[in-house]
């Protein structure tokens, strides 16, 4: 069985009847949607991802609109990098603001990853993605440059213009040559007016389900 399927199977074992479950985006979450449907567990699902939302509807899961939820029992998601202190970094999906919302209201926020994404310290092989209010773009750019960062408005590969989030905001990618204190950087970015959210997840992840070629194991709460 491929690693992503094993991670999804391990996640399914944590889900109990009566729970409200958060499901993020990505292929592993897609497998979890299928397994959850096959299990016939009595749960309600909330998701930040339109793709996952479509999959849940197709699978016949009980889907709640995100605006109607203020508490989630368990949430499952993926990431590009995560370290031993449970700091995580996302990049491509551009739904991190909604993902953070679900993570914040979850009793446990669990990342499903393969071992290649687990590090002692975040290497920042990927840029930090930020969602930015359109009207604040120039100001946010100025403040990030003052912090030593480089900011690029993410181009839309499907049509002319930049990538726009599901909520109508600019998606920008930010690069820093050296990052010494992740928590401090996260706080500084979040304190810039007009910057809505970064793809750095600090103090939100509670568990990791990690797969390699031989096994799947968990780090975090038991």
Protein backbone atom coordinates (compact mmCIF):
# COMPACT_ATOMS: atom_id res chain seq x y z
CA UNK A 1 0.00 0.00 0.00
CA UNK A 2 1.37 3.44 -0.92
CA UNK A 3 2.46 5.72 1.91
CA UNK A 4 -0.36 8.24 1.47
CA UNK A 5 -2.98 5.51 1.73
CA UNK A 6 -1.36 4.14 4.90
CA UNK A 7 -1.39 7.62 6.45
CA UNK A 8 -5.06 8.00 5.60
CA UNK A 9 -5.83 4.59 7.12
CA UNK A 10 -4.03 5.59 10.33
CA UNK A 11 -6.02 8.83 10.44
CA UNK A 12 -9.30 6.96 10.04
CA UNK A 13 -8.56 4.96 13.20
CA UNK A 14 -8.66 8.19 15.27
CA UNK A 15 -12.11 9.23 14.04
CA UNK A 16 -15.10 8.28 16.19
CA UNK A 17 -18.87 8.50 15.76
CA UNK A 18 -20.32 11.88 16.66
CA UNK A 19 -17.20 13.88 15.82
CA UNK A 20 -16.91 17.02 13.74
CA UNK A 21 -13.88 16.36 11.53
CA UNK A 22 -11.80 18.88 9.58
CA UNK A 23 -10.31 17.73 6.28
CA UNK A 24 -7.74 19.85 4.45
CA UNK A 25 -6.56 19.46 0.88
CA UNK A 26 -4.31 17.12 -1.09
CA UNK A 27 -4.11 13.53 -2.26
CA UNK A 28 -3.80 11.96 1.19
CA UNK A 29 -6.93 13.74 2.36
CA UNK A 30 -8.66 12.46 -0.77
CA UNK A 31 -7.92 8.90 0.34
CA UNK A 32 -9.20 9.71 3.82
CA UNK A 33 -12.48 10.97 2.31
CA UNK A 34 -12.89 7.63 0.54
CA UNK A 35 -12.05 5.57 3.64
CA UNK A 36 -14.37 7.69 5.80
CA UNK A 37 -17.22 7.13 3.36
CA UNK A 38 -16.59 3.38 3.27
CA UNK A 39 -16.48 3.19 7.07
CA UNK A 40 -20.01 4.62 7.47
CA UNK A 41 -18.91 6.45 10.60
CA UNK A 42 -21.44 8.99 11.84
CA UNK A 43 -19.46 12.22 11.55
CA UNK A 44 -19.81 15.72 10.21
CA UNK A 45 -17.09 17.21 8.02
CA UNK A 46 -15.81 20.75 7.48
CA UNK A 47 -13.16 21.68 4.93
CA UNK A 48 -11.27 24.76 3.68
CA UNK A 49 -10.77 23.16 0.25
CA UNK A 50 -13.22 23.35 -2.66
CA UNK A 51 -11.70 20.17 -4.13
CA UNK A 52 -12.17 18.30 -0.85
CA UNK A 53 -15.66 19.72 -0.57
CA UNK A 54 -16.54 18.27 -3.97
CA UNK A 55 -15.06 14.90 -2.97
CA UNK A 56 -17.08 14.88 0.26
CA UNK A 57 -20.31 15.62 -1.58
CA UNK A 58 -19.58 12.86 -4.10
CA UNK A 59 -18.79 10.44 -1.27
CA UNK A 60 -22.02 11.24 0.53
CA UNK A 61 -20.42 12.67 3.67
CA UNK A 62 -22.32 15.06 5.94
CA UNK A 63 -20.68 18.37 5.04
CA UNK A 64 -21.00 21.53 7.15
CA UNK A 65 -20.36 25.05 5.81
CA UNK A 66 -17.28 26.53 7.44
CA UNK A 67 -19.11 29.67 8.59
CA UNK A 68 -21.46 27.56 10.74
CA UNK A 69 -18.74 25.82 12.79
CA UNK A 70 -16.96 27.06 15.93
CA UNK A 71 -15.49 23.80 17.24
CA UNK A 72 -13.85 20.80 15.55
CA UNK A 73 -12.84 17.58 17.30
CA UNK A 74 -10.11 16.41 14.92
CA UNK A 75 -8.60 17.97 11.81
CA UNK A 76 -6.34 16.33 9.26
CA UNK A 77 -4.17 18.10 6.72
CA UNK A 78 -0.85 17.96 4.89
CA UNK A 79 2.13 20.29 4.62
CA UNK A 80 5.39 20.77 2.74
CA UNK A 81 7.68 20.91 5.76
CA UNK A 82 7.32 20.30 9.51
CA UNK A 83 9.93 20.26 12.26
CA UNK A 84 10.36 18.44 15.57
CA UNK A 85 8.74 21.38 17.39
CA UNK A 86 5.58 21.00 15.26
CA UNK A 87 6.21 24.17 13.28
CA UNK A 88 4.83 23.60 9.78
CA UNK A 89 5.08 25.33 6.41
CA UNK A 90 2.65 25.12 3.52
CA UNK A 91 3.08 26.59 0.06
CA UNK A 92 1.12 25.74 -3.08
CA UNK A 93 -2.52 25.38 -2.07
CA UNK A 94 -3.20 29.03 -1.14
CA UNK A 95 -6.00 28.02 1.26
CA UNK A 96 -3.89 28.41 4.40
CA UNK A 97 -6.05 31.17 5.93
CA UNK A 98 -9.08 28.87 6.08
CA UNK A 99 -6.85 25.96 7.10
CA UNK A 100 -5.59 28.02 10.03
CA UNK A 101 -9.13 28.88 11.01
CA UNK A 102 -10.04 25.19 11.19
CA UNK A 103 -6.78 24.36 12.97
CA UNK A 104 -7.49 27.05 15.59
CA UNK A 105 -10.93 25.66 16.41
CA UNK A 106 -9.73 22.04 16.50
CA UNK A 107 -8.95 20.08 19.66
CA UNK A 108 -6.29 18.27 17.64
CA UNK A 109 -4.77 19.34 14.34
CA UNK A 110 -2.98 16.39 12.77
CA UNK A 111 -0.66 16.50 9.75
CA UNK A 112 -0.36 13.48 7.45
CA UNK A 113 3.08 13.42 5.81
CA UNK A 114 5.77 11.20 4.41
CA UNK A 115 9.12 11.12 6.20
CA UNK A 116 10.84 13.33 3.61
CA UNK A 117 8.85 16.30 4.93
CA UNK A 118 9.94 15.91 8.57
CA UNK A 119 12.99 17.90 9.73
CA UNK A 120 14.79 18.82 12.93
CA UNK A 121 14.44 22.47 11.90
CA UNK A 122 12.41 23.89 9.04
CA UNK A 123 14.74 24.19 6.02
CA UNK A 124 12.43 26.63 4.21
CA UNK A 125 12.93 24.92 0.87
CA UNK A 126 9.59 26.50 0.04
CA UNK A 127 8.71 30.17 0.30
CA UNK A 128 6.26 31.45 2.88
CA UNK A 129 2.89 32.04 1.25
CA UNK A 130 0.90 35.04 2.44
CA UNK A 131 -2.65 36.14 1.78
CA UNK A 132 -2.73 39.91 1.40
CA UNK A 133 -5.54 42.44 1.13
CA UNK A 134 -5.32 43.89 -2.40
CA UNK A 135 -5.37 47.48 -1.17
CA UNK A 136 -2.50 46.74 1.23
CA UNK A 137 -0.17 45.10 -1.31
CA UNK A 138 2.28 48.01 -1.65
CA UNK A 139 2.39 48.61 2.09
CA UNK A 140 2.88 44.92 2.89
CA UNK A 141 5.64 44.73 0.25
CA UNK A 142 7.42 47.67 1.87
CA UNK A 143 7.23 46.18 5.39
CA UNK A 144 8.45 42.76 4.26
CA UNK A 145 11.40 44.31 2.43
CA UNK A 146 12.26 46.25 5.60
CA UNK A 147 12.40 42.85 7.35
CA UNK A 148 14.88 41.56 4.76
CA UNK A 149 12.39 39.53 2.76
CA UNK A 150 11.70 39.31 -0.95
CA UNK A 151 8.08 39.29 -2.06
CA UNK A 152 6.61 38.06 -5.35
CA UNK A 153 2.99 38.36 -6.41
CA UNK A 154 2.16 34.80 -7.48
CA UNK A 155 1.33 34.70 -11.21
CA UNK A 156 -1.76 32.87 -12.39
CA UNK A 157 -0.74 30.14 -14.85
CA UNK A 158 -4.26 29.76 -16.22
CA UNK A 159 -4.98 33.39 -17.09
CA UNK A 160 -3.37 36.81 -17.12
CA UNK A 161 -2.90 38.35 -13.71
CA UNK A 162 -2.07 37.20 -10.18
CA UNK A 163 -3.43 34.28 -8.17
CA UNK A 164 -6.45 35.36 -6.14
CA UNK A 165 -7.55 33.47 -3.02
CA UNK A 166 -11.05 32.04 -2.63
CA UNK A 167 -11.84 35.11 -0.55
CA UNK A 168 -10.65 37.58 -3.20
CA UNK A 169 -7.19 38.48 -1.88
CA UNK A 170 -3.71 38.48 -3.40
CA UNK A 171 -1.48 35.44 -2.87
CA UNK A 172 2.19 36.35 -2.52
CA UNK A 173 5.30 34.26 -1.91
CA UNK A 174 7.92 35.56 0.49
CA UNK A 175 11.55 34.47 0.72
CA UNK A 176 14.07 35.14 3.49
CA UNK A 177 17.72 34.19 3.07
CA UNK A 178 18.11 33.35 6.75
CA UNK A 179 15.49 32.63 9.41
CA UNK A 180 16.76 32.27 12.96
CA UNK A 181 13.59 32.52 15.05
CA UNK A 182 10.45 31.10 13.42
CA UNK A 183 8.10 32.28 16.14
CA UNK A 184 9.46 35.84 16.02
CA UNK A 185 9.22 35.94 12.22
CA UNK A 186 5.66 34.63 12.33
CA UNK A 187 4.66 37.29 14.86
CA UNK A 188 6.25 40.09 12.83
CA UNK A 189 4.52 39.02 9.64
CA UNK A 190 1.16 38.65 11.37
CA UNK A 191 1.52 42.15 12.82
CA UNK A 192 1.69 43.78 9.38
CA UNK A 193 -1.63 45.49 8.71
CA UNK A 194 -3.23 44.13 5.55
CA UNK A 195 -1.40 40.81 5.70
CA UNK A 196 -4.23 38.41 6.43
CA UNK A 197 -2.35 35.17 7.17
CA UNK A 198 0.90 33.36 6.45
CA UNK A 199 1.43 29.71 5.58
CA UNK A 200 3.59 29.27 8.67
CA UNK A 201 1.72 27.18 11.24
CA UNK A 202 3.19 27.90 14.67
CA UNK A 203 1.57 26.53 17.82
CA UNK A 204 -1.28 24.84 15.93
CA UNK A 205 -0.10 21.31 15.10
CA UNK A 206 -0.68 18.71 17.82
CA UNK A 207 0.17 15.42 16.07
CA UNK A 208 2.04 14.04 13.09
CA UNK A 209 1.20 10.83 11.25
CA UNK A 210 4.37 9.95 9.35
CA UNK A 211 4.84 7.25 6.74
CA UNK A 212 7.96 5.79 5.17
CA UNK A 213 8.43 2.74 2.95
CA UNK A 214 8.32 0.36 5.92
CA UNK A 215 5.87 1.77 8.45
CA UNK A 216 3.49 4.48 9.59
CA UNK A 217 3.92 6.02 13.03
CA UNK A 218 2.59 8.91 15.06
CA UNK A 219 4.24 11.74 17.01
CA UNK A 220 2.18 13.77 19.46
CA UNK A 221 -0.86 13.02 21.57
CA UNK A 222 -1.70 9.40 22.31
